[in-house]
Amino acid sequence: MNLWLRLLHLVVSAFWRPRLDPLVEVSRLSFRVWPHDLDTSLHMNNGRYWTLMDLGRADVMIRSGLWRAVLREKWLPVVSAGKIRFRRELRLFRPFELQTRLVAWTDTSIVMEHRIVSRGREGNEILAAIALVRVGLYDRGARAFVPVSRILAELGRPDMPRPPMTPEVAAFLAAEDALKGAA
C-alpha cells in the first residue's frame, strides 16, 4: 500500500512540477523513512531502496513526457539489471532525497544512476546508497526493445550525442553481459 500512495502522490504532483529534460537534468524526489520502510534492524530495508528507485524512474518518464509514447505504443518499461552499493543506514523518520539521472546508453538500453542522499547536521550531503540500473522499453508487438534512437526522438532530442561511458558504467555493463552469458 505504501508504494501505491507514494506513486499516486508522484503522479498527481507531476502536473505542478516543471518539465524535466532527462538527458541533462536530475530528477529529485524527497522522502522520509516511515515505520513500514524498516527491517528488523530498524533501518530502511534494502528492498525498499529498489522500490523507491522505481519511483525515480517513473518521475523521469512522466516529467519528460515520455509516458505519452509509452502508453500510445504500449511499450513496457523493463529493468534488466541493477547494482547497488549501500554506504550509510537510514533510520526511522530520516528525510532523504532520491536523485535519478541518465548516465549512458547503448543501442537498446539506458543506464540510470540512483543516489539516495540525506543531510548531516551541518547540511552536508551524506550518500546513503548509489545504484546503477540498466533499463529499456520493450515493444510487445515487435517483440524487441525499442531502439534508444527512437526514445531520443520521442524526447525531442534525436541528435543527442551518446555521453562517454565512465569506468563504473562500463564495468557494470560488462558484468551484466558476463552474467547474462552464464545463464
Protein backbone atom coordinates (compact mmCIF):
# COMPACT_ATOMS: atom_id res chain seq x y z
CA MET A 1 0.00 0.00 0.00
CA ASN A 2 2.87 2.35 0.85
CA LEU A 3 4.24 2.29 -2.70
CA TRP A 4 0.81 2.94 -4.20
CA LEU A 5 0.33 6.07 -2.06
CA ARG A 6 3.78 7.33 -2.95
CA LEU A 7 3.13 6.59 -6.64
CA LEU A 8 -0.23 8.40 -6.55
CA HIS A 9 1.43 11.40 -4.92
CA LEU A 10 4.17 11.32 -7.57
CA VAL A 11 1.71 11.23 -10.48
CA VAL A 12 -0.52 13.99 -9.11
CA SER A 13 2.37 16.27 -8.13
CA ALA A 14 3.99 15.84 -11.56
CA PHE A 15 1.34 18.16 -13.01
CA TRP A 16 2.74 21.03 -10.90
CA ARG A 17 6.41 20.22 -11.23
CA PRO A 18 8.47 21.57 -14.14
CA ARG A 19 9.18 19.51 -17.22
CA LEU A 20 12.38 17.52 -16.97
CA ASP A 21 14.99 17.02 -19.68
CA PRO A 22 16.35 13.64 -18.55
CA LEU A 23 19.36 13.90 -20.84
CA VAL A 24 20.84 16.79 -18.85
CA GLU A 25 18.77 17.21 -15.66
CA VAL A 26 18.45 15.21 -12.45
CA SER A 27 15.10 14.09 -11.02
CA ARG A 28 14.93 14.89 -7.30
CA LEU A 29 12.28 13.35 -5.06
CA SER A 30 12.05 13.92 -1.32
CA PHE A 31 11.03 11.15 1.08
CA ARG A 32 11.13 10.23 4.73
CA VAL A 33 11.73 6.82 6.29
CA TRP A 34 8.42 5.57 7.71
CA PRO A 35 7.81 2.58 10.00
CA HIS A 36 6.72 0.36 7.10
CA ASP A 37 10.09 1.04 5.39
CA LEU A 38 12.06 -0.58 8.23
CA ASP A 39 13.55 -4.05 8.55
CA THR A 40 14.32 -5.96 11.73
CA SER A 41 17.48 -3.87 12.26
CA LEU A 42 15.25 -0.76 12.45
CA HIS A 43 16.75 0.92 9.41
CA MET A 44 15.38 1.17 5.87
CA ASN A 45 15.00 -2.26 4.31
CA ASN A 46 17.38 -2.92 1.40
CA GLY A 47 14.44 -3.90 -0.83
CA ARG A 48 12.76 -0.56 -0.15
CA TYR A 49 15.65 1.24 -1.85
CA TRP A 50 14.86 -0.61 -5.10
CA THR A 51 11.15 0.14 -4.72
CA LEU A 52 11.79 3.85 -4.29
CA MET A 53 14.12 3.85 -7.27
CA ASP A 54 11.16 2.65 -9.35
CA LEU A 55 9.51 5.95 -8.42
CA GLY A 56 12.57 7.88 -9.57
CA ARG A 57 12.38 6.26 -12.98
CA ALA A 58 8.62 6.91 -13.11
CA ASP A 59 9.26 10.59 -12.33
CA VAL A 60 11.73 10.81 -15.22
CA MET A 61 9.24 9.15 -17.58
CA ILE A 62 6.31 11.33 -16.51
CA ARG A 63 8.04 14.71 -16.30
CA SER A 64 9.94 14.21 -19.57
CA GLY A 65 6.70 13.46 -21.42
CA LEU A 66 7.93 10.00 -22.45
CA TRP A 67 4.89 8.43 -20.77
CA ARG A 68 2.75 9.56 -23.72
CA ALA A 69 4.74 7.41 -26.18
CA VAL A 70 4.85 4.53 -23.69
CA LEU A 71 1.04 4.49 -23.47
CA ARG A 72 0.46 5.18 -27.18
CA GLU A 73 2.84 2.47 -28.37
CA LYS A 74 2.04 0.06 -25.49
CA TRP A 75 5.70 -0.16 -24.55
CA LEU A 76 6.65 -1.87 -21.31
CA PRO A 77 9.36 -0.32 -19.10
CA VAL A 78 11.80 -3.07 -18.08
CA VAL A 79 14.75 -3.16 -15.69
CA SER A 80 17.17 -5.81 -16.91
CA ALA A 81 20.00 -5.34 -14.40
CA GLY A 82 20.90 -3.45 -11.29
CA LYS A 83 23.78 -2.99 -8.87
CA ILE A 84 23.62 -1.14 -5.58
CA ARG A 85 26.20 -0.04 -3.03
CA PHE A 86 24.92 0.72 0.46
CA ARG A 87 27.04 3.28 2.30
CA ARG A 88 25.04 4.61 5.29
CA GLU A 89 21.89 3.44 7.02
CA LEU A 90 18.68 5.45 7.06
CA ARG A 91 16.82 5.32 10.35
CA LEU A 92 13.17 5.98 11.21
CA PHE A 93 11.81 9.41 10.21
CA ARG A 94 15.07 10.42 8.49
CA PRO A 95 14.40 12.66 5.46
CA PHE A 96 16.30 11.85 2.28
CA GLU A 97 16.36 12.68 -1.40
CA LEU A 98 16.33 10.28 -4.34
CA GLN A 99 18.33 11.64 -7.27
CA THR A 100 17.84 9.91 -10.63
CA ARG A 101 19.71 10.63 -13.84
CA LEU A 102 20.65 9.05 -17.15
CA VAL A 103 24.37 8.36 -17.38
CA ALA A 104 24.83 6.29 -20.54
CA TRP A 105 23.06 4.29 -23.22
CA THR A 106 23.61 1.60 -25.77
CA ASP A 107 21.57 0.92 -28.91
CA THR A 108 18.66 -0.60 -26.95
CA SER A 109 19.20 0.19 -23.26
CA ILE A 110 19.77 3.11 -20.93
CA VAL A 111 21.87 3.15 -17.78
CA MET A 112 20.45 5.25 -14.97
CA GLU A 113 22.10 6.23 -11.71
CA HIS A 114 20.12 6.50 -8.48
CA ARG A 115 21.56 8.25 -5.46
CA ILE A 116 19.94 8.22 -2.02
CA VAL A 117 21.20 11.28 -0.18
CA SER A 118 20.47 12.57 3.31
CA ARG A 119 21.85 15.62 5.11
CA GLY A 120 24.25 15.82 8.02
CA ARG A 121 23.89 18.19 10.95
CA GLU A 122 25.94 20.82 9.11
CA GLY A 123 23.84 20.44 5.96
CA ASN A 124 26.45 18.43 4.09
CA GLU A 125 25.30 15.66 1.74
CA ILE A 126 25.61 12.11 3.03
CA LEU A 127 25.42 9.41 0.36
CA ALA A 128 23.40 6.54 1.81
CA ALA A 129 23.27 4.40 -1.34
CA ILE A 130 24.15 4.55 -5.01
CA ALA A 131 22.84 2.25 -7.73
CA LEU A 132 23.16 1.69 -11.45
CA VAL A 133 20.29 0.13 -13.38
CA ARG A 134 20.02 -0.95 -16.99
CA VAL A 135 16.58 -0.16 -18.36
CA GLY A 136 14.76 -0.29 -21.65
CA LEU A 137 11.35 -0.03 -23.21
CA TYR A 138 10.03 -3.30 -24.57
CA ASP A 139 7.74 -3.26 -27.60
CA ARG A 140 5.50 -6.30 -27.18
CA GLY A 141 4.20 -6.05 -30.72
CA ALA A 142 7.67 -6.10 -32.26
CA ARG A 143 8.93 -8.50 -29.55
CA ALA A 144 12.05 -6.34 -29.20
CA PHE A 145 13.44 -3.49 -27.18
CA VAL A 146 12.78 -0.02 -28.55
CA PRO A 147 15.95 1.50 -30.02
CA VAL A 148 17.31 4.32 -27.89
CA SER A 149 17.39 6.48 -31.04
CA ARG A 150 13.57 6.21 -31.10
CA ILE A 151 13.35 7.12 -27.41
CA LEU A 152 15.58 10.15 -28.00
CA ALA A 153 13.33 11.20 -30.89
CA GLU A 154 10.27 10.93 -28.61
CA LEU A 155 12.08 13.18 -26.13
CA GLY A 156 12.65 15.72 -28.91
CA ARG A 157 16.42 15.16 -28.84
CA PRO A 158 17.14 12.83 -31.82
CA ASP A 159 20.67 14.18 -32.33
CA MET A 160 21.81 13.95 -28.72
CA PRO A 161 25.34 12.54 -28.71
CA ARG A 162 25.99 9.47 -26.58
CA PRO A 163 27.80 10.52 -23.38
CA PRO A 164 31.19 8.97 -22.68
CA MET A 165 30.94 5.85 -20.57
CA THR A 166 32.59 6.09 -17.16
CA PRO A 167 34.71 3.15 -15.95
CA GLU A 168 31.99 2.29 -13.40
CA VAL A 169 29.27 2.10 -16.04
CA ALA A 170 31.49 0.10 -18.42
CA ALA A 171 32.30 -2.36 -15.61
CA PHE A 172 28.60 -2.63 -14.69
CA LEU A 173 27.60 -3.39 -18.28
CA ALA A 174 30.45 -5.86 -18.74
CA ALA A 175 29.49 -7.69 -15.53
CA GLU A 176 25.84 -7.78 -16.59
CA ASP A 177 26.76 -9.17 -20.03
CA ALA A 178 29.00 -11.82 -18.42
CA LEU A 179 26.23 -12.84 -16.04
CA LYS A 180 23.75 -12.98 -18.92
CA GLY A 181 26.09 -15.33 -20.74
CA ALA A 182 26.33 -17.62 -17.71
CA ALA A 183 22.61 -18.30 -17.59
